[in-house]
Each structure stands twice: as structure tokens, then as C-alpha cells.
Amino acid sequence: MTQQELADKLEVSRQTVHAIEKGKFNPSVKLAILISVVFQVPVEGIFTLEDQ
């Protein structure tokens, strides 16, 4: 899936997806949950706390 395809599904910009991938932007809880729904994995499977 391209960044643009994911952005379209999440209704955000491609730049937002890029920033999340590069660790330059932390998504809101709502956006994190939407990402987990798109990929059908738990949020914890995508995002972790830095100290863990």
C-alpha cells in the first residue's frame, strides 16, 4: 500500500503518513486506532512506547 493510499483511507495527508513513518509525528489515539483497523492488527503491534 502506498503512503497516498493509506492517507486516503485515513483521510489525512500523505505528508502526515510520511511523518508518522519517520517518527516525526505521533498520531492521535483516534488516528492510531484507525491505522490498526486498516492493517487489522492491535495498536500495540504498530506503536510502542520509546522506553519499552
Protein backbone atom coordinates (compact mmCIF):
# COMPACT_ATOMS: atom_id res chain seq x y z
CA MET A 1 0.00 0.00 0.00
CA THR A 2 1.36 3.40 -0.88
CA GLN A 3 1.51 6.32 1.52
CA GLN A 4 -1.16 8.04 -0.55
CA GLU A 5 -3.48 5.03 -0.45
CA LEU A 6 -3.13 4.84 3.33
CA ALA A 7 -3.63 8.59 3.67
CA ASP A 8 -6.81 8.36 1.61
CA LYS A 9 -8.17 5.57 3.83
CA LEU A 10 -7.33 7.57 6.96
CA GLU A 11 -8.50 10.89 5.50
CA VAL A 12 -5.17 12.57 6.24
CA SER A 13 -2.43 13.95 4.01
CA ARG A 14 0.34 11.81 2.58
CA GLN A 15 2.75 14.05 4.48
CA THR A 16 1.11 13.01 7.75
CA VAL A 17 1.62 9.34 6.93
CA HIS A 18 5.24 10.05 5.99
CA ALA A 19 5.86 11.93 9.25
CA ILE A 20 4.37 9.06 11.30
CA GLU A 21 6.56 6.53 9.47
CA LYS A 22 9.69 8.61 10.13
CA GLY A 23 8.82 9.08 13.81
CA LYS A 24 8.48 12.84 13.42
CA PHE A 25 4.79 12.90 14.36
CA ASN A 26 2.84 10.97 16.98
CA PRO A 27 -0.69 10.26 15.80
CA SER A 28 -3.71 10.95 17.96
CA VAL A 29 -5.29 7.97 19.69
CA LYS A 30 -8.10 8.05 17.13
CA LEU A 31 -5.67 8.02 14.20
CA ALA A 32 -3.59 5.24 15.78
CA ILE A 33 -6.73 3.13 16.17
CA LEU A 34 -7.77 3.81 12.57
CA ILE A 35 -4.32 2.70 11.38
CA SER A 36 -4.65 -0.51 13.38
CA VAL A 37 -8.06 -1.14 11.84
CA VAL A 38 -6.71 -0.63 8.30
CA PHE A 39 -3.90 -3.14 8.91
CA GLN A 40 -6.05 -5.43 11.10
CA VAL A 41 -3.51 -5.59 13.93
CA PRO A 42 -3.67 -4.32 17.51
CA VAL A 43 -2.41 -0.79 18.12
CA GLU A 44 0.41 -2.31 20.20
CA GLY A 45 1.53 -4.20 17.10
CA ILE A 46 2.19 -0.91 15.33
CA PHE A 47 3.09 1.58 18.05
CA THR A 48 5.22 1.14 21.17
CA LEU A 49 6.44 3.43 23.91
CA GLU A 50 10.04 4.55 23.45
CA ASP A 51 11.20 3.16 26.82
CA GLN A 52 9.88 -0.35 26.16
